[in-house]
N, C-alpha and C. Protein backbone atom coordinates (compact mmCIF):
# COMPACT_ATOMS: atom_id res chain seq x y z
N UNK A 1 0.84 -1.17 0.00
CA UNK A 1 0.00 0.00 0.00
C UNK A 1 0.88 1.23 0.00
N UNK A 2 0.58 2.14 -0.83
CA UNK A 2 1.30 3.40 -0.88
C UNK A 2 0.64 4.35 0.10
N UNK A 3 1.31 4.67 1.19
CA UNK A 3 0.70 5.47 2.25
C UNK A 3 0.44 6.90 1.80
N UNK A 4 1.09 7.37 0.77
CA UNK A 4 0.91 8.75 0.32
C UNK A 4 -0.39 8.97 -0.42
N UNK A 5 -0.84 8.00 -1.21
CA UNK A 5 -2.04 8.24 -2.01
C UNK A 5 -3.22 7.35 -1.64
N UNK A 6 -3.07 6.39 -0.71
CA UNK A 6 -4.18 5.59 -0.24
C UNK A 6 -4.64 4.50 -1.20
N UNK A 7 -3.99 4.33 -2.34
CA UNK A 7 -4.36 3.29 -3.29
C UNK A 7 -3.54 2.05 -3.05
N UNK A 8 -4.07 0.90 -3.47
CA UNK A 8 -3.27 -0.31 -3.45
C UNK A 8 -3.38 -0.99 -4.79
N UNK A 9 -2.33 -1.71 -5.15
CA UNK A 9 -2.26 -2.30 -6.47
C UNK A 9 -2.37 -3.80 -6.45
N UNK A 10 -2.09 -4.37 -7.58
CA UNK A 10 -2.29 -5.79 -7.83
C UNK A 10 -1.51 -6.70 -6.89
N UNK A 11 -0.31 -6.34 -6.48
CA UNK A 11 0.49 -7.23 -5.64
C UNK A 11 0.89 -6.59 -4.32
N UNK A 12 0.07 -5.69 -3.82
CA UNK A 12 0.37 -5.01 -2.57
C UNK A 12 -0.43 -5.61 -1.41
N UNK A 13 -0.05 -5.23 -0.20
CA UNK A 13 -0.79 -5.60 0.99
C UNK A 13 -1.73 -4.46 1.37
N UNK A 14 -2.79 -4.82 2.06
CA UNK A 14 -3.76 -3.83 2.51
C UNK A 14 -3.75 -3.81 4.02
N UNK A 15 -3.51 -2.66 4.63
CA UNK A 15 -3.57 -2.49 6.07
C UNK A 15 -4.99 -2.09 6.41
N UNK A 16 -5.67 -2.93 7.21
CA UNK A 16 -7.10 -2.73 7.42
C UNK A 16 -7.45 -2.32 8.85
N UNK A 17 -6.53 -1.77 9.58
CA UNK A 17 -6.77 -1.47 10.98
C UNK A 17 -7.88 -0.47 11.21
N UNK A 18 -8.05 0.52 10.36
CA UNK A 18 -8.99 1.58 10.65
C UNK A 18 -10.03 1.86 9.57
N UNK A 19 -10.23 0.96 8.64
CA UNK A 19 -11.20 1.26 7.59
C UNK A 19 -11.79 -0.01 7.01
N UNK A 20 -12.96 0.13 6.38
CA UNK A 20 -13.59 -0.97 5.66
C UNK A 20 -13.27 -0.78 4.18
N UNK A 21 -13.02 -1.88 3.49
CA UNK A 21 -12.62 -1.83 2.09
C UNK A 21 -13.51 -2.78 1.30
N UNK A 22 -14.03 -2.32 0.18
CA UNK A 22 -14.75 -3.17 -0.76
C UNK A 22 -13.92 -3.22 -2.02
N UNK A 23 -13.65 -4.42 -2.52
CA UNK A 23 -12.73 -4.56 -3.64
C UNK A 23 -13.25 -5.59 -4.63
N UNK A 24 -14.01 -5.16 -5.67
CA UNK A 24 -14.38 -6.11 -6.73
C UNK A 24 -13.19 -6.26 -7.68
N UNK A 25 -12.85 -7.49 -8.02
CA UNK A 25 -11.73 -7.72 -8.92
C UNK A 25 -12.21 -7.59 -10.36
N UNK A 26 -11.63 -6.70 -11.09
CA UNK A 26 -12.03 -6.40 -12.46
C UNK A 26 -11.90 -7.63 -13.35
N UNK A 27 -12.92 -7.86 -14.17
CA UNK A 27 -12.87 -8.94 -15.13
C UNK A 27 -13.15 -10.31 -14.55
N UNK A 28 -13.72 -10.37 -13.36
CA UNK A 28 -14.03 -11.67 -12.76
C UNK A 28 -15.30 -11.55 -11.93
N UNK A 29 -15.77 -12.69 -11.46
CA UNK A 29 -16.94 -12.73 -10.59
C UNK A 29 -16.51 -12.77 -9.13
N UNK A 30 -15.36 -12.21 -8.83
CA UNK A 30 -14.79 -12.24 -7.50
C UNK A 30 -15.04 -10.93 -6.78
N UNK A 31 -15.39 -11.03 -5.51
CA UNK A 31 -15.72 -9.86 -4.70
C UNK A 31 -15.12 -10.05 -3.32
N UNK A 32 -14.47 -9.01 -2.81
CA UNK A 32 -13.86 -9.06 -1.48
C UNK A 32 -14.34 -7.87 -0.68
N UNK A 33 -14.67 -8.12 0.57
CA UNK A 33 -15.01 -7.04 1.48
C UNK A 33 -14.23 -7.25 2.77
N UNK A 34 -13.57 -6.20 3.23
CA UNK A 34 -12.74 -6.27 4.44
C UNK A 34 -13.31 -5.29 5.45
N UNK A 35 -13.59 -5.77 6.64
CA UNK A 35 -14.16 -4.95 7.70
C UNK A 35 -13.13 -4.72 8.80
N UNK A 36 -13.06 -3.52 9.32
CA UNK A 36 -12.10 -3.19 10.37
C UNK A 36 -12.41 -3.93 11.67
N UNK A 37 -13.59 -4.49 11.79
CA UNK A 37 -13.96 -5.22 13.01
C UNK A 37 -13.38 -6.63 13.04
N UNK A 38 -12.56 -6.99 12.06
CA UNK A 38 -11.93 -8.31 12.06
C UNK A 38 -12.68 -9.34 11.25
N UNK A 39 -13.25 -8.93 10.14
CA UNK A 39 -13.98 -9.85 9.26
C UNK A 39 -13.58 -9.60 7.81
N UNK A 40 -13.32 -10.67 7.10
CA UNK A 40 -12.95 -10.65 5.69
C UNK A 40 -13.96 -11.53 4.97
N UNK A 41 -14.59 -11.02 3.91
CA UNK A 41 -15.59 -11.78 3.16
C UNK A 41 -15.11 -11.93 1.73
N UNK A 42 -15.14 -13.17 1.24
CA UNK A 42 -14.76 -13.46 -0.13
C UNK A 42 -15.92 -14.15 -0.83
N UNK A 43 -16.25 -13.68 -2.03
CA UNK A 43 -17.28 -14.31 -2.86
C UNK A 43 -16.67 -14.62 -4.22
N UNK A 44 -16.77 -15.86 -4.65
CA UNK A 44 -16.24 -16.29 -5.93
C UNK A 44 -15.72 -17.71 -5.82
N UNK A 45 -15.21 -18.23 -6.93
CA UNK A 45 -14.64 -19.58 -6.94
C UNK A 45 -13.24 -19.53 -6.34
N UNK A 46 -12.90 -20.53 -5.54
CA UNK A 46 -11.63 -20.50 -4.81
C UNK A 46 -11.19 -21.91 -4.45
N UNK A 47 -9.96 -22.03 -4.01
CA UNK A 47 -9.47 -23.25 -3.37
C UNK A 47 -8.57 -22.81 -2.21
N UNK A 48 -8.77 -23.43 -1.06
CA UNK A 48 -7.99 -23.12 0.14
C UNK A 48 -6.63 -23.81 0.03
N UNK A 49 -5.56 -23.06 0.25
CA UNK A 49 -4.21 -23.61 0.19
C UNK A 49 -3.63 -23.89 1.55
N UNK A 50 -3.89 -23.00 2.50
CA UNK A 50 -3.33 -23.13 3.85
C UNK A 50 -4.35 -22.61 4.84
N UNK A 51 -4.51 -23.33 5.94
CA UNK A 51 -5.48 -22.93 6.96
C UNK A 51 -4.84 -23.09 8.33
N UNK A 52 -4.27 -22.01 8.82
CA UNK A 52 -3.67 -21.97 10.15
C UNK A 52 -4.31 -20.84 10.94
N UNK A 53 -4.17 -20.83 12.24
CA UNK A 53 -4.78 -19.76 13.04
C UNK A 53 -4.09 -18.41 12.82
N UNK A 54 -2.88 -18.41 12.22
CA UNK A 54 -2.16 -17.17 11.93
C UNK A 54 -2.22 -16.77 10.46
N UNK A 55 -2.64 -17.70 9.58
CA UNK A 55 -2.63 -17.40 8.15
C UNK A 55 -3.59 -18.34 7.42
N UNK A 56 -4.40 -17.74 6.55
CA UNK A 56 -5.27 -18.51 5.67
C UNK A 56 -4.96 -18.04 4.25
N UNK A 57 -4.54 -18.96 3.41
CA UNK A 57 -4.24 -18.59 2.03
C UNK A 57 -5.17 -19.37 1.10
N UNK A 58 -5.50 -18.73 -0.02
CA UNK A 58 -6.37 -19.37 -0.99
C UNK A 58 -6.07 -18.83 -2.37
N UNK A 59 -6.56 -19.53 -3.36
CA UNK A 59 -6.30 -19.17 -4.75
C UNK A 59 -7.64 -19.03 -5.47
N UNK A 60 -7.71 -18.03 -6.33
CA UNK A 60 -8.85 -17.86 -7.22
C UNK A 60 -8.31 -17.48 -8.58
N UNK A 61 -8.59 -18.30 -9.57
CA UNK A 61 -8.03 -18.05 -10.89
C UNK A 61 -6.51 -18.06 -10.82
N UNK A 62 -5.88 -16.98 -11.29
CA UNK A 62 -4.42 -16.87 -11.26
C UNK A 62 -3.93 -16.09 -10.06
N UNK A 63 -4.82 -15.64 -9.20
CA UNK A 63 -4.44 -14.81 -8.05
C UNK A 63 -4.32 -15.65 -6.78
N UNK A 64 -3.28 -15.37 -5.99
CA UNK A 64 -3.09 -15.98 -4.69
C UNK A 64 -3.35 -14.93 -3.62
N UNK A 65 -4.12 -15.30 -2.60
CA UNK A 65 -4.47 -14.39 -1.52
C UNK A 65 -4.00 -14.96 -0.20
N UNK A 66 -3.74 -14.09 0.75
CA UNK A 66 -3.36 -14.51 2.09
C UNK A 66 -3.95 -13.54 3.10
N UNK A 67 -4.61 -14.09 4.11
CA UNK A 67 -5.12 -13.30 5.23
C UNK A 67 -4.25 -13.68 6.43
N UNK A 68 -3.61 -12.69 7.05
CA UNK A 68 -2.71 -12.94 8.18
C UNK A 68 -3.24 -12.26 9.43
N UNK A 69 -2.88 -12.83 10.57
CA UNK A 69 -3.29 -12.26 11.85
C UNK A 69 -3.16 -13.31 12.94
N UNK A 70 -4.11 -13.31 13.87
CA UNK A 70 -4.13 -14.31 14.94
C UNK A 70 -5.57 -14.73 15.20
N UNK A 71 -5.72 -15.94 15.69
CA UNK A 71 -7.04 -16.50 16.01
C UNK A 71 -7.99 -16.45 14.80
N UNK A 72 -7.45 -16.72 13.61
CA UNK A 72 -8.26 -16.69 12.39
C UNK A 72 -9.07 -17.97 12.27
N UNK A 73 -10.33 -17.82 11.82
CA UNK A 73 -11.22 -18.96 11.62
C UNK A 73 -12.04 -18.74 10.36
N UNK A 74 -12.30 -19.82 9.65
CA UNK A 74 -13.19 -19.77 8.49
C UNK A 74 -14.63 -19.91 8.96
N UNK A 75 -15.51 -19.12 8.37
CA UNK A 75 -16.94 -19.17 8.67
C UNK A 75 -17.70 -19.13 7.37
N UNK A 76 -18.94 -19.61 7.38
CA UNK A 76 -19.84 -19.54 6.23
C UNK A 76 -19.21 -20.11 4.97
N UNK A 77 -18.48 -21.18 5.11
CA UNK A 77 -17.79 -21.82 3.99
C UNK A 77 -18.79 -22.48 3.05
N UNK A 78 -18.77 -22.10 1.77
CA UNK A 78 -19.64 -22.69 0.76
C UNK A 78 -18.92 -22.70 -0.58
N UNK A 79 -19.57 -23.23 -1.60
CA UNK A 79 -18.99 -23.23 -2.95
C UNK A 79 -18.88 -21.82 -3.51
N UNK A 80 -19.67 -20.89 -3.00
CA UNK A 80 -19.71 -19.52 -3.52
C UNK A 80 -18.83 -18.55 -2.75
N UNK A 81 -18.24 -18.97 -1.63
CA UNK A 81 -17.40 -18.05 -0.88
C UNK A 81 -17.24 -18.46 0.57
N UNK A 82 -16.67 -17.55 1.37
CA UNK A 82 -16.44 -17.80 2.79
C UNK A 82 -16.14 -16.49 3.49
N UNK A 83 -16.10 -16.56 4.82
CA UNK A 83 -15.68 -15.43 5.65
C UNK A 83 -14.52 -15.88 6.52
N UNK A 84 -13.65 -14.95 6.84
CA UNK A 84 -12.59 -15.17 7.82
C UNK A 84 -12.85 -14.20 8.95
N UNK A 85 -12.84 -14.70 10.18
CA UNK A 85 -12.97 -13.81 11.33
C UNK A 85 -11.76 -14.02 12.24
N UNK A 86 -11.46 -13.01 13.03
CA UNK A 86 -10.33 -13.08 13.95
C UNK A 86 -9.63 -11.73 14.00
N UNK A 87 -8.44 -11.74 14.52
CA UNK A 87 -7.61 -10.54 14.60
C UNK A 87 -6.81 -10.41 13.30
N UNK A 88 -7.42 -9.82 12.29
CA UNK A 88 -6.79 -9.72 10.97
C UNK A 88 -5.83 -8.53 10.95
N UNK A 89 -4.58 -8.81 10.61
CA UNK A 89 -3.58 -7.75 10.55
C UNK A 89 -3.29 -7.31 9.12
N UNK A 90 -3.42 -8.22 8.15
CA UNK A 90 -3.17 -7.83 6.75
C UNK A 90 -3.82 -8.82 5.80
N UNK A 91 -4.06 -8.31 4.59
CA UNK A 91 -4.53 -9.12 3.48
C UNK A 91 -3.59 -8.82 2.32
N UNK A 92 -3.02 -9.85 1.74
CA UNK A 92 -2.13 -9.63 0.61
C UNK A 92 -2.55 -10.50 -0.56
N UNK A 93 -2.18 -10.06 -1.76
CA UNK A 93 -2.51 -10.81 -2.96
C UNK A 93 -1.48 -10.52 -4.03
N UNK A 94 -1.33 -11.48 -4.93
CA UNK A 94 -0.39 -11.33 -6.05
C UNK A 94 -0.94 -12.02 -7.26
């Protein structure tokens, strides 16, 4: 994340401590919403790569995502998406 202009790009991390972020991925049916209260919502086709209490990583299409923090848990897991709750410190993608 570029702290000077508030934008984030394709392979940057998002610091979510004080704001809610809605991020539809252009050219796909993928939708991400990040809440400052410690909730991350993903909608779209995905596969889970890693599921630890400190890190949950998943892949959608050609993009790899990672949610980092502590006491992370998957909720509302379905074929159409899932939620991550816990003490989320960062979300990164490439």
